[in-house]
All heavy atoms as atom14 arrays in JSON, in Angstrom:
{
  "sequence": "SILEAFAGPPDCGEYSPSYQKTVNSIQMHVLSKVPQVQVIEVVLNNT",
  "atom14_mask": [
    [1, 1, 1, 1, 1, 1, 0, 0, 0, 0, 0, 0, 0, 0],
    [1, 1, 1, 1, 1, 1, 1, 1, 0, 0, 0, 0, 0, 0],
    [1, 1, 1, 1, 1, 1, 1, 1, 0, 0, 0, 0, 0, 0],
    [1, 1, 1, 1, 1, 1, 1, 1, 1, 0, 0, 0, 0, 0],
    [1, 1, 1, 1, 1, 0, 0, 0, 0, 0, 0, 0, 0, 0],
    [1, 1, 1, 1, 1, 1, 1, 1, 1, 1, 1, 0, 0, 0],
    [1, 1, 1, 1, 1, 0, 0, 0, 0, 0, 0, 0, 0, 0],
    [1, 1, 1, 1, 0, 0, 0, 0, 0, 0, 0, 0, 0, 0],
    [1, 1, 1, 1, 1, 1, 1, 0, 0, 0, 0, 0, 0, 0],
    [1, 1, 1, 1, 1, 1, 1, 0, 0, 0, 0, 0, 0, 0],
    [1, 1, 1, 1, 1, 1, 1, 1, 0, 0, 0, 0, 0, 0],
    [1, 1, 1, 1, 1, 1, 0, 0, 0, 0, 0, 0, 0, 0],
    [1, 1, 1, 1, 0, 0, 0, 0, 0, 0, 0, 0, 0, 0],
    [1, 1, 1, 1, 1, 1, 1, 1, 1, 0, 0, 0, 0, 0],
    [1, 1, 1, 1, 1, 1, 1, 1, 1, 1, 1, 1, 0, 0],
    [1, 1, 1, 1, 1, 1, 0, 0, 0, 0, 0, 0, 0, 0],
    [1, 1, 1, 1, 1, 1, 1, 0, 0, 0, 0, 0, 0, 0],
    [1, 1, 1, 1, 1, 1, 0, 0, 0, 0, 0, 0, 0, 0],
    [1, 1, 1, 1, 1, 1, 1, 1, 1, 1, 1, 1, 0, 0],
    [1, 1, 1, 1, 1, 1, 1, 1, 1, 0, 0, 0, 0, 0],
    [1, 1, 1, 1, 1, 1, 1, 1, 1, 0, 0, 0, 0, 0],
    [1, 1, 1, 1, 1, 1, 1, 0, 0, 0, 0, 0, 0, 0],
    [1, 1, 1, 1, 1, 1, 1, 0, 0, 0, 0, 0, 0, 0],
    [1, 1, 1, 1, 1, 1, 1, 1, 0, 0, 0, 0, 0, 0],
    [1, 1, 1, 1, 1, 1, 0, 0, 0, 0, 0, 0, 0, 0],
    [1, 1, 1, 1, 1, 1, 1, 1, 0, 0, 0, 0, 0, 0],
    [1, 1, 1, 1, 1, 1, 1, 1, 1, 0, 0, 0, 0, 0],
    [1, 1, 1, 1, 1, 1, 1, 1, 0, 0, 0, 0, 0, 0],
    [1, 1, 1, 1, 1, 1, 1, 1, 1, 1, 0, 0, 0, 0],
    [1, 1, 1, 1, 1, 1, 1, 0, 0, 0, 0, 0, 0, 0],
    [1, 1, 1, 1, 1, 1, 1, 1, 0, 0, 0, 0, 0, 0],
    [1, 1, 1, 1, 1, 1, 0, 0, 0, 0, 0, 0, 0, 0],
    [1, 1, 1, 1, 1, 1, 1, 1, 1, 0, 0, 0, 0, 0],
    [1, 1, 1, 1, 1, 1, 1, 0, 0, 0, 0, 0, 0, 0],
    [1, 1, 1, 1, 1, 1, 1, 0, 0, 0, 0, 0, 0, 0],
    [1, 1, 1, 1, 1, 1, 1, 1, 1, 0, 0, 0, 0, 0],
    [1, 1, 1, 1, 1, 1, 1, 0, 0, 0, 0, 0, 0, 0],
    [1, 1, 1, 1, 1, 1, 1, 1, 1, 0, 0, 0, 0, 0],
    [1, 1, 1, 1, 1, 1, 1, 0, 0, 0, 0, 0, 0, 0],
    [1, 1, 1, 1, 1, 1, 1, 1, 0, 0, 0, 0, 0, 0],
    [1, 1, 1, 1, 1, 1, 1, 1, 1, 0, 0, 0, 0, 0],
    [1, 1, 1, 1, 1, 1, 1, 0, 0, 0, 0, 0, 0, 0],
    [1, 1, 1, 1, 1, 1, 1, 0, 0, 0, 0, 0, 0, 0],
    [1, 1, 1, 1, 1, 1, 1, 1, 0, 0, 0, 0, 0, 0],
    [1, 1, 1, 1, 1, 1, 1, 1, 0, 0, 0, 0, 0, 0],
    [1, 1, 1, 1, 1, 1, 1, 1, 0, 0, 0, 0, 0, 0],
    [1, 1, 1, 1, 1, 1, 1, 0, 0, 0, 0, 0, 0, 0]
  ],
  "atom14_positions": [
    [[-6.39, 8.38, -10.97], [-5.53, 7.23, -11.27], [-5.89, 6.03, -10.39], [-5.86, 4.88, -10.84], [-4.06, 7.61, -11.07], [-3.67, 8.64, -11.95], [0.0, 0.0, 0.0], [0.0, 0.0, 0.0], [0.0, 0.0, 0.0], [0.0, 0.0, 0.0], [0.0, 0.0, 0.0], [0.0, 0.0, 0.0], [0.0, 0.0, 0.0], [0.0, 0.0, 0.0]],
    [[-6.23, 6.29, -9.13], [-6.65, 5.21, -8.23], [-7.89, 4.52, -8.77], [-7.96, 3.28, -8.83], [-6.93, 5.78, -6.82], [-5.62, 6.21, -6.15], [-7.64, 4.74, -5.94], [-5.83, 6.98, -4.85], [0.0, 0.0, 0.0], [0.0, 0.0, 0.0], [0.0, 0.0, 0.0], [0.0, 0.0, 0.0], [0.0, 0.0, 0.0], [0.0, 0.0, 0.0]],
    [[-8.87, 5.31, -9.21], [-10.12, 4.74, -9.72], [-9.87, 3.98, -11.02], [-10.46, 2.91, -11.25], [-11.15, 5.85, -9.93], [-11.53, 6.65, -8.68], [-12.59, 7.69, -9.01], [-12.01, 5.74, -7.57], [0.0, 0.0, 0.0], [0.0, 0.0, 0.0], [0.0, 0.0, 0.0], [0.0, 0.0, 0.0], [0.0, 0.0, 0.0], [0.0, 0.0, 0.0]],
    [[-9.02, 4.5, -11.88], [-8.69, 3.82, -13.14], [-8.07, 2.46, -12.87], [-8.44, 1.46, -13.5], [-7.74, 4.68, -13.98], [-8.36, 5.91, -14.59], [-7.34, 6.78, -15.28], [-6.12, 6.5, -15.16], [-7.73, 7.75, -15.94], [0.0, 0.0, 0.0], [0.0, 0.0, 0.0], [0.0, 0.0, 0.0], [0.0, 0.0, 0.0], [0.0, 0.0, 0.0]],
    [[-7.1, 2.42, -11.96], [-6.4, 1.17, -11.67], [-7.32, 0.16, -11.01], [-7.21, -1.04, -11.26], [-5.19, 1.45, -10.79], [0.0, 0.0, 0.0], [0.0, 0.0, 0.0], [0.0, 0.0, 0.0], [0.0, 0.0, 0.0], [0.0, 0.0, 0.0], [0.0, 0.0, 0.0], [0.0, 0.0, 0.0], [0.0, 0.0, 0.0], [0.0, 0.0, 0.0]],
    [[-8.2, 0.62, -10.15], [-9.12, -0.29, -9.47], [-10.12, -0.91, -10.44], [-10.35, -2.12, -10.42], [-9.87, 0.44, -8.36], [-10.88, -0.41, -7.64], [-10.5, -1.22, -6.58], [-12.22, -0.42, -8.03], [-11.42, -2.03, -5.92], [-13.15, -1.2, -7.38], [-12.75, -2.02, -6.32], [0.0, 0.0, 0.0], [0.0, 0.0, 0.0], [0.0, 0.0, 0.0]],
    [[-10.7, -0.09, -11.29], [-11.81, -0.54, -12.13], [-11.39, -1.15, -13.45], [-12.04, -2.06, -13.96], [-12.77, 0.63, -12.37], [0.0, 0.0, 0.0], [0.0, 0.0, 0.0], [0.0, 0.0, 0.0], [0.0, 0.0, 0.0], [0.0, 0.0, 0.0], [0.0, 0.0, 0.0], [0.0, 0.0, 0.0], [0.0, 0.0, 0.0], [0.0, 0.0, 0.0]],
    [[-10.29, -0.63, -14.04], [-9.94, -1.05, -15.39], [-10.77, -0.32, -16.43], [-11.58, 0.56, -16.1], [0.0, 0.0, 0.0], [0.0, 0.0, 0.0], [0.0, 0.0, 0.0], [0.0, 0.0, 0.0], [0.0, 0.0, 0.0], [0.0, 0.0, 0.0], [0.0, 0.0, 0.0], [0.0, 0.0, 0.0], [0.0, 0.0, 0.0], [0.0, 0.0, 0.0]],
    [[-10.63, -0.67, -17.71], [-11.38, 0.0, -18.78], [-12.89, -0.08, -18.54], [-13.39, -1.1, -18.07], [-10.99, -0.79, -20.05], [-9.67, -1.4, -19.71], [-9.72, -1.7, -18.24], [0.0, 0.0, 0.0], [0.0, 0.0, 0.0], [0.0, 0.0, 0.0], [0.0, 0.0, 0.0], [0.0, 0.0, 0.0], [0.0, 0.0, 0.0], [0.0, 0.0, 0.0]],
    [[-13.64, 0.98, -18.86], [-15.07, 1.02, -18.53], [-15.91, -0.02, -19.26], [-16.99, -0.38, -18.78], [-15.48, 2.44, -18.91], [-14.45, 2.91, -19.88], [-13.18, 2.24, -19.48], [0.0, 0.0, 0.0], [0.0, 0.0, 0.0], [0.0, 0.0, 0.0], [0.0, 0.0, 0.0], [0.0, 0.0, 0.0], [0.0, 0.0, 0.0], [0.0, 0.0, 0.0]],
    [[-15.46, -0.49, -20.41], [-16.27, -1.44, -21.18], [-16.02, -2.89, -20.81], [-16.83, -3.76, -21.14], [-16.02, -1.25, -22.68], [-14.56, -1.43, -23.05], [-13.69, -1.27, -22.17], [-14.28, -1.74, -24.23], [0.0, 0.0, 0.0], [0.0, 0.0, 0.0], [0.0, 0.0, 0.0], [0.0, 0.0, 0.0], [0.0, 0.0, 0.0], [0.0, 0.0, 0.0]],
    [[-14.91, -3.17, -20.11], [-14.6, -4.58, -19.81], [-13.97, -4.79, -18.45], [-13.93, -5.92, -17.95], [-13.68, -5.16, -20.9], [-12.1, -4.31, -21.04], [0.0, 0.0, 0.0], [0.0, 0.0, 0.0], [0.0, 0.0, 0.0], [0.0, 0.0, 0.0], [0.0, 0.0, 0.0], [0.0, 0.0, 0.0], [0.0, 0.0, 0.0], [0.0, 0.0, 0.0]],
    [[-13.46, -3.76, -17.83], [-12.79, -3.9, -16.54], [-11.42, -4.57, -16.69], [-10.9, -4.7, -17.79], [0.0, 0.0, 0.0], [0.0, 0.0, 0.0], [0.0, 0.0, 0.0], [0.0, 0.0, 0.0], [0.0, 0.0, 0.0], [0.0, 0.0, 0.0], [0.0, 0.0, 0.0], [0.0, 0.0, 0.0], [0.0, 0.0, 0.0], [0.0, 0.0, 0.0]],
    [[-10.86, -4.97, -15.56], [-9.57, -5.67, -15.55], [-9.56, -6.67, -14.4], [-9.94, -6.33, -13.28], [-8.42, -4.67, -15.4], [-7.06, -5.32, -15.49], [-5.93, -4.3, -15.61], [-6.22, -3.15, -16.02], [-4.79, -4.66, -15.31], [0.0, 0.0, 0.0], [0.0, 0.0, 0.0], [0.0, 0.0, 0.0], [0.0, 0.0, 0.0], [0.0, 0.0, 0.0]],
    [[-9.14, -7.9, -14.7], [-9.22, -8.97, -13.71], [-8.23, -8.75, -12.56], [-7.08, -8.39, -12.77], [-8.95, -10.32, -14.36], [-9.11, -11.48, -13.41], [-10.38, -11.89, -13.0], [-8.0, -12.14, -12.89], [-10.54, -12.95, -12.12], [-8.15, -13.21, -12.01], [-9.43, -13.6, -11.63], [-9.58, -14.64, -10.74], [0.0, 0.0, 0.0], [0.0, 0.0, 0.0]],
    [[-8.72, -8.98, -11.36], [-7.89, -8.89, -10.15], [-7.77, -10.28, -9.54], [-8.78, -10.84, -9.09], [-8.49, -7.94, -9.14], [-7.87, -8.07, -7.88], [0.0, 0.0, 0.0], [0.0, 0.0, 0.0], [0.0, 0.0, 0.0], [0.0, 0.0, 0.0], [0.0, 0.0, 0.0], [0.0, 0.0, 0.0], [0.0, 0.0, 0.0], [0.0, 0.0, 0.0]],
    [[-6.56, -10.86, -9.48], [-6.39, -12.18, -8.87], [-6.33, -12.14, -7.35], [-6.35, -13.19, -6.72], [-5.08, -12.66, -9.47], [-4.29, -11.41, -9.71], [-5.31, -10.37, -10.1], [0.0, 0.0, 0.0], [0.0, 0.0, 0.0], [0.0, 0.0, 0.0], [0.0, 0.0, 0.0], [0.0, 0.0, 0.0], [0.0, 0.0, 0.0], [0.0, 0.0, 0.0]],
    [[-6.23, -10.94, -6.76], [-6.16, -10.81, -5.3], [-6.27, -9.34, -4.93], [-6.02, -8.45, -5.76], [-4.84, -11.38, -4.76], [-3.74, -10.57, -5.17], [0.0, 0.0, 0.0], [0.0, 0.0, 0.0], [0.0, 0.0, 0.0], [0.0, 0.0, 0.0], [0.0, 0.0, 0.0], [0.0, 0.0, 0.0], [0.0, 0.0, 0.0], [0.0, 0.0, 0.0]],
    [[-6.62, -9.1, -3.67], [-6.59, -7.74, -3.15], [-5.17, -7.18, -3.19], [-4.95, -6.0, -3.46], [-7.13, -7.71, -1.72], [-8.63, -7.7, -1.61], [-9.38, -8.88, -1.73], [-9.33, -6.51, -1.4], [-10.76, -8.87, -1.62], [-10.71, -6.5, -1.3], [-11.42, -7.68, -1.41], [-12.8, -7.67, -1.31], [0.0, 0.0, 0.0], [0.0, 0.0, 0.0]],
    [[-4.19, -8.04, -2.92], [-2.79, -7.59, -2.92], [-2.38, -7.06, -4.3], [-1.72, -6.03, -4.41], [-1.87, -8.75, -2.5], [-1.99, -9.14, -1.04], [-3.06, -10.19, -0.79], [-4.0, -10.35, -1.55], [-2.9, -10.93, 0.31], [0.0, 0.0, 0.0], [0.0, 0.0, 0.0], [0.0, 0.0, 0.0], [0.0, 0.0, 0.0], [0.0, 0.0, 0.0]],
    [[-2.8, -7.78, -5.35], [-2.46, -7.36, -6.7], [-3.14, -6.04, -7.04], [-2.55, -5.17, -7.7], [-2.86, -8.44, -7.71], [-2.59, -8.08, -9.15], [-1.13, -7.77, -9.42], [-0.89, -7.46, -10.9], [0.5, -7.0, -11.16], [0.0, 0.0, 0.0], [0.0, 0.0, 0.0], [0.0, 0.0, 0.0], [0.0, 0.0, 0.0], [0.0, 0.0, 0.0]],
    [[-4.36, -5.87, -6.57], [-5.07, -4.62, -6.81], [-4.36, -3.45, -6.13], [-4.2, -2.37, -6.72], [-6.51, -4.71, -6.29], [-7.21, -5.7, -7.05], [-7.24, -3.38, -6.42], [0.0, 0.0, 0.0], [0.0, 0.0, 0.0], [0.0, 0.0, 0.0], [0.0, 0.0, 0.0], [0.0, 0.0, 0.0], [0.0, 0.0, 0.0], [0.0, 0.0, 0.0]],
    [[-3.88, -3.66, -4.9], [-3.13, -2.62, -4.2], [-1.89, -2.23, -5.0], [-1.61, -1.04, -5.21], [-2.75, -3.1, -2.78], [-1.69, -2.18, -2.17], [-3.98, -3.14, -1.89], [0.0, 0.0, 0.0], [0.0, 0.0, 0.0], [0.0, 0.0, 0.0], [0.0, 0.0, 0.0], [0.0, 0.0, 0.0], [0.0, 0.0, 0.0], [0.0, 0.0, 0.0]],
    [[-1.15, -3.21, -5.47], [0.06, -2.94, -6.23], [-0.25, -2.24, -7.55], [0.47, -1.34, -7.98], [0.83, -4.23, -6.49], [2.1, -4.0, -7.3], [2.15, -4.27, -8.5], [3.14, -3.49, -6.65], [0.0, 0.0, 0.0], [0.0, 0.0, 0.0], [0.0, 0.0, 0.0], [0.0, 0.0, 0.0], [0.0, 0.0, 0.0], [0.0, 0.0, 0.0]],
    [[-1.33, -2.65, -8.21], [-1.71, -2.02, -9.48], [-2.03, -0.56, -9.29], [-1.68, 0.29, -10.11], [-2.91, -2.76, -10.08], [-2.58, -4.09, -10.41], [0.0, 0.0, 0.0], [0.0, 0.0, 0.0], [0.0, 0.0, 0.0], [0.0, 0.0, 0.0], [0.0, 0.0, 0.0], [0.0, 0.0, 0.0], [0.0, 0.0, 0.0], [0.0, 0.0, 0.0]],
    [[-2.7, -0.24, -8.18], [-3.01, 1.16, -7.88], [-1.72, 1.96, -7.7], [-1.56, 3.06, -8.26], [-3.89, 1.25, -6.62], [-5.3, 0.72, -6.92], [-3.95, 2.69, -6.09], [-6.17, 0.58, -5.69], [0.0, 0.0, 0.0], [0.0, 0.0, 0.0], [0.0, 0.0, 0.0], [0.0, 0.0, 0.0], [0.0, 0.0, 0.0], [0.0, 0.0, 0.0]],
    [[-0.79, 1.42, -6.93], [0.47, 2.13, -6.67], [1.27, 2.32, -7.95], [1.78, 3.42, -8.22], [1.29, 1.34, -5.66], [0.66, 1.3, -4.27], [1.39, 0.36, -3.34], [1.64, -0.8, -3.68], [1.73, 0.84, -2.16], [0.0, 0.0, 0.0], [0.0, 0.0, 0.0], [0.0, 0.0, 0.0], [0.0, 0.0, 0.0], [0.0, 0.0, 0.0]],
    [[1.39, 1.28, -8.76], [2.16, 1.37, -9.99], [1.53, 2.38, -10.95], [2.24, 3.14, -11.63], [2.24, -0.01, -10.65], [3.06, -1.03, -9.87], [4.83, -0.62, -9.82], [5.29, -0.91, -11.52], [0.0, 0.0, 0.0], [0.0, 0.0, 0.0], [0.0, 0.0, 0.0], [0.0, 0.0, 0.0], [0.0, 0.0, 0.0], [0.0, 0.0, 0.0]],
    [[0.21, 2.4, -11.01], [-0.47, 3.32, -11.92], [-0.26, 4.76, -11.48], [0.0, 5.64, -12.33], [-1.96, 2.98, -11.96], [-2.69, 3.61, -13.1], [-2.35, 3.4, -14.42], [-3.76, 4.47, -13.13], [-3.16, 4.09, -15.21], [-4.02, 4.75, -14.44], [0.0, 0.0, 0.0], [0.0, 0.0, 0.0], [0.0, 0.0, 0.0], [0.0, 0.0, 0.0]],
    [[-0.36, 5.02, -10.19], [-0.14, 6.39, -9.69], [1.29, 6.84, -9.97], [1.52, 7.96, -10.44], [-0.47, 6.47, -8.19], [-0.01, 7.82, -7.6], [-1.96, 6.27, -7.93], [0.0, 0.0, 0.0], [0.0, 0.0, 0.0], [0.0, 0.0, 0.0], [0.0, 0.0, 0.0], [0.0, 0.0, 0.0], [0.0, 0.0, 0.0], [0.0, 0.0, 0.0]],
    [[2.27, 5.99, -9.67], [3.67, 6.35, -9.9], [3.96, 6.61, -11.38], [4.8, 7.44, -11.72], [4.59, 5.27, -9.35], [4.67, 5.15, -7.82], [5.44, 3.91, -7.41], [5.31, 6.39, -7.21], [0.0, 0.0, 0.0], [0.0, 0.0, 0.0], [0.0, 0.0, 0.0], [0.0, 0.0, 0.0], [0.0, 0.0, 0.0], [0.0, 0.0, 0.0]],
    [[3.27, 5.89, -12.26], [3.5, 6.08, -13.69], [2.83, 7.34, -14.22], [3.28, 7.94, -15.2], [2.99, 4.87, -14.48], [1.58, 4.77, -14.44], [0.0, 0.0, 0.0], [0.0, 0.0, 0.0], [0.0, 0.0, 0.0], [0.0, 0.0, 0.0], [0.0, 0.0, 0.0], [0.0, 0.0, 0.0], [0.0, 0.0, 0.0], [0.0, 0.0, 0.0]],
    [[1.74, 7.76, -13.56], [0.97, 8.9, -14.04], [1.37, 10.23, -13.4], [1.18, 11.3, -13.99], [-0.52, 8.66, -13.78], [-1.16, 7.57, -14.63], [-1.39, 8.04, -16.05], [-2.18, 7.03, -16.84], [-2.48, 7.5, -18.22], [0.0, 0.0, 0.0], [0.0, 0.0, 0.0], [0.0, 0.0, 0.0], [0.0, 0.0, 0.0], [0.0, 0.0, 0.0]],
    [[1.91, 10.15, -12.17], [2.15, 11.38, -11.41], [3.61, 11.41, -10.95], [3.97, 10.83, -9.92], [1.21, 11.46, -10.18], [1.32, 12.84, -9.53], [-0.24, 11.17, -10.58], [0.0, 0.0, 0.0], [0.0, 0.0, 0.0], [0.0, 0.0, 0.0], [0.0, 0.0, 0.0], [0.0, 0.0, 0.0], [0.0, 0.0, 0.0], [0.0, 0.0, 0.0]],
    [[4.48, 12.08, -11.7], [5.92, 12.06, -11.37], [6.25, 12.75, -10.05], [7.32, 12.51, -9.49], [6.55, 12.8, -12.56], [5.44, 13.63, -13.14], [4.2, 12.84, -12.93], [0.0, 0.0, 0.0], [0.0, 0.0, 0.0], [0.0, 0.0, 0.0], [0.0, 0.0, 0.0], [0.0, 0.0, 0.0], [0.0, 0.0, 0.0], [0.0, 0.0, 0.0]],
    [[5.37, 13.61, -9.54], [5.66, 14.31, -8.29], [5.61, 13.38, -7.07], [6.19, 13.68, -6.04], [4.65, 15.46, -8.08], [4.73, 16.56, -9.1], [3.83, 16.31, -10.31], [3.38, 15.2, -10.53], [3.58, 17.36, -11.08], [0.0, 0.0, 0.0], [0.0, 0.0, 0.0], [0.0, 0.0, 0.0], [0.0, 0.0, 0.0], [0.0, 0.0, 0.0]],
    [[4.92, 12.25, -7.2], [4.81, 11.31, -6.08], [6.08, 10.46, -6.0], [6.5, 9.85, -6.98], [3.58, 10.4, -6.26], [3.56, 9.31, -5.19], [2.3, 11.23, -6.2], [0.0, 0.0, 0.0], [0.0, 0.0, 0.0], [0.0, 0.0, 0.0], [0.0, 0.0, 0.0], [0.0, 0.0, 0.0], [0.0, 0.0, 0.0], [0.0, 0.0, 0.0]],
    [[6.67, 10.41, -4.81], [7.89, 9.65, -4.6], [7.64, 8.31, -3.91], [8.23, 7.3, -4.25], [8.9, 10.47, -3.78], [9.3, 11.77, -4.44], [9.92, 11.57, -5.81], [10.79, 10.72, -5.98], [9.48, 12.33, -6.79], [0.0, 0.0, 0.0], [0.0, 0.0, 0.0], [0.0, 0.0, 0.0], [0.0, 0.0, 0.0], [0.0, 0.0, 0.0]],
    [[6.79, 8.32, -2.91], [6.44, 7.11, -2.16], [4.94, 7.1, -1.96], [4.34, 8.15, -1.67], [7.14, 7.07, -0.78], [6.74, 5.82, 0.0], [8.65, 7.11, -0.95], [0.0, 0.0, 0.0], [0.0, 0.0, 0.0], [0.0, 0.0, 0.0], [0.0, 0.0, 0.0], [0.0, 0.0, 0.0], [0.0, 0.0, 0.0], [0.0, 0.0, 0.0]],
    [[4.31, 5.93, -2.11], [2.87, 5.83, -1.94], [2.53, 4.62, -1.09], [3.03, 3.51, -1.33], [2.14, 5.77, -3.31], [0.63, 5.64, -3.1], [2.68, 4.67, -4.19], [-0.18, 5.83, -4.37], [0.0, 0.0, 0.0], [0.0, 0.0, 0.0], [0.0, 0.0, 0.0], [0.0, 0.0, 0.0], [0.0, 0.0, 0.0], [0.0, 0.0, 0.0]],
    [[1.72, 4.84, -0.08], [1.23, 3.79, 0.81], [-0.25, 3.57, 0.54], [-1.02, 4.53, 0.44], [1.42, 4.2, 2.28], [0.79, 3.24, 3.28], [0.75, 3.8, 4.7], [1.16, 4.97, 4.88], [0.27, 3.09, 5.6], [0.0, 0.0, 0.0], [0.0, 0.0, 0.0], [0.0, 0.0, 0.0], [0.0, 0.0, 0.0], [0.0, 0.0, 0.0]],
    [[-0.65, 2.31, 0.39], [-2.05, 1.98, 0.18], [-2.47, 0.89, 1.15], [-1.76, -0.1, 1.32], [-2.32, 1.5, -1.27], [-3.76, 1.0, -1.42], [-2.06, 2.62, -2.26], [0.0, 0.0, 0.0], [0.0, 0.0, 0.0], [0.0, 0.0, 0.0], [0.0, 0.0, 0.0], [0.0, 0.0, 0.0], [0.0, 0.0, 0.0], [0.0, 0.0, 0.0]],
    [[-3.59, 1.1, 1.82], [-4.2, 0.1, 2.69], [-5.61, -0.14, 2.17], [-6.37, 0.82, 1.96], [-4.25, 0.56, 4.15], [-4.91, -0.51, 5.02], [-2.86, 0.89, 4.66], [0.0, 0.0, 0.0], [0.0, 0.0, 0.0], [0.0, 0.0, 0.0], [0.0, 0.0, 0.0], [0.0, 0.0, 0.0], [0.0, 0.0, 0.0], [0.0, 0.0, 0.0]],
    [[-5.95, -1.4, 1.94], [-7.28, -1.76, 1.46], [-7.91, -2.72, 2.45], [-7.48, -3.87, 2.59], [-7.2, -2.39, 0.07], [-8.53, -2.67, -0.63], [-9.32, -1.38, -0.82], [-8.3, -3.35, -1.98], [0.0, 0.0, 0.0], [0.0, 0.0, 0.0], [0.0, 0.0, 0.0], [0.0, 0.0, 0.0], [0.0, 0.0, 0.0], [0.0, 0.0, 0.0]],
    [[-8.9, -2.22, 3.2], [-9.64, -3.05, 4.15], [-10.81, -3.7, 3.43], [-11.66, -3.01, 2.85], [-10.14, -2.2, 5.33], [-9.0, -1.67, 6.16], [-7.99, -2.33, 6.35], [-9.15, -0.45, 6.65], [0.0, 0.0, 0.0], [0.0, 0.0, 0.0], [0.0, 0.0, 0.0], [0.0, 0.0, 0.0], [0.0, 0.0, 0.0], [0.0, 0.0, 0.0]],
    [[-10.87, -5.02, 3.46], [-11.78, -5.77, 2.6], [-13.15, -5.94, 3.22], [-13.29, -6.15, 4.43], [-11.21, -7.16, 2.32], [-9.73, -7.12, 1.96], [-9.24, -6.09, 1.52], [-9.04, -8.22, 2.14], [0.0, 0.0, 0.0], [0.0, 0.0, 0.0], [0.0, 0.0, 0.0], [0.0, 0.0, 0.0], [0.0, 0.0, 0.0], [0.0, 0.0, 0.0]],
    [[-14.16, -5.91, 2.37], [-15.52, -6.3, 2.75], [-15.92, -7.49, 1.89], [-15.91, -7.39, 0.65], [-16.52, -5.15, 2.54], [-16.14, -4.04, 3.35], [-17.93, -5.59, 2.9], [0.0, 0.0, 0.0], [0.0, 0.0, 0.0], [0.0, 0.0, 0.0], [0.0, 0.0, 0.0], [0.0, 0.0, 0.0], [0.0, 0.0, 0.0], [0.0, 0.0, 0.0]]
  ]
}
């Protein structure tokens, strides 16, 4: 789910307006796909 949210669809991807938005998209995607997860922390160190 993390990889799906980061990359988007394989044929076109998905636009990211910021690293912050990408972090949130990853969290929302995991929470929607995996009901066992209650709280998720994500840190993205940029290069």
